[in-house]
Amino acid sequence: MYQDLYNYLYENTKNRYIIELLQYEINKRIYYFGNNFINPWEKSCLDKNKIKQFITSKYKTLRSKSLINNHNLVLSDAYFTVNDELKKNCRVVVPWWTFKRNGIYLKDTRFQKLFYEINQVINNARLDELISEGFIKKITLFINAGEQLIVSHDFKAGIFSNDLGFYERIFIDILKKLNIPTFIFLHGLPARYNNIDDNRADYLIVWGDKIKENYIKAGVDSNKIIVSGHPAYSKPLKKKLKNSLDEVLVISKAMNGAPSISNDIILSDRGNCLLYLKLIQEILKEFGVKKAKLRIHPSENPDWYKANIDTGFFTIDRDNLINTLKKSTLVIGPTSTVFLESIYWGVNYLVFEPSINDIDLMNYPLVSPFDGTDNGIPVAKNLEEFKNILINKKSVESEILKDYISPEFDLSEVFSKIKYGK
């Protein structure tokens, strides 16, 4: 008996490879619904989204260039300012599926036309059209055209922000087939570790040694993991962390839009996004806190929160995160990369992960360092532990930051593999 729709579609198709490439898109159409998200699937199908697509396509067309000199080309949609660093040694070409990642778009009329046709279906089509025989054939044409494009322009490497998305998986496979090095540049502190996700490319670039250690424990080959540091966090660390209830910032407990590809289908209750805040509010009020700022995930809808939380206590923060952290005296939140950013900017981060047997409110297992296994990071898994941390003014040891983000940003190993190949 089939356990979910995706597995049924996978088992009953003539082209399992294409269905596997479409796995995230299929799951998005099934699970990414609800006005708690800023861009749920039902909203992505509205006509106004087509205006955005039109503007984006025009921007890419204007930024596109025909390249005569193909020397040292790297395809990269890495986050942050990574492309700025790559441009010191490479010519960075931004993939067609991304937007404004600091590089040029490669001009190829035939390929671009096919891409935009594919992209229209990816962004707007119903499930039956997405998995139709006609669209699967078009994807096969697109893969062949992508391979010809890479070969004709002599790319030296591909650096990707993830290996879950439809386009990322296609081009990772194309480049690997052509024996061209591929990299995943991890964009945050992972909320899950396994040997499937983030492991499809030749190399995985992580920020620090502790993250590498966690991937090794999950079964990823240590030889493929490169520690790079982070381009924004290279100056000396602050020793003393602010740790008071004067200006509290709370980080929301967000839902996933679609299940991670490596996981079984894990369903979450969006009511627990609100429960998480209720629990924090209850404790803070006991300690005399009358108001707090709330920072929601970029995927979440602030209007939904405002309609369902105590707006007399919580004020949704819309400022630049760095500005907000500089004003805060304590951050309370779940598993999040904001943990590292908070420590970097000198503010204690109280990890609050209500859980039973290390399964959190969203039914996902806790991972290091949010599971309490790191002695330098206090973690509250229930209200009593939360109170205890506040009463005793326990704080993260700021020195642990260097374990999770190498103090110097260094891509020399990446450049070496680009230059000399795998």
Foldseek 3Di string as FASTA:
>chain_A
DDPDDLVVLLVPDPDNPLSQLCVQLLQQLVFQDDQQFPCRLVNLQDPVVVVVVVVQLVVQVVQADADPDLPAEEEEPADDCVVVVVVVPGQYEYDPVDGPSPHGHHDDVVLSVLVVVLVCCSRHNDPCVCSDPVSSVSVVVNLVVVLVVCVVSVHLEYEYQWCNHSVNVSVQVSCVVVQHAYEHEHDFQDQDEACPTRPSGQAYEAFFQVSLVQNVVRPHDSVRYHHFFDPVFQDDADQAAQFDLPAEEEEFDDDDSGDRPVDDGQAADVVVSAVVVVLVVVLVVVVVQQAYEYEYDNRGDVVVVVVPHDCRHYDYDDDDPLVSLLPGREYEYEDTRVCLVNLRSRHFYAHEFADDPQQGNGRHHGDPPASVPDPQHQHHNDSVSVNVCSVVSRGRRSVCSCRRGPSHGDCPVVVVCSVPGD
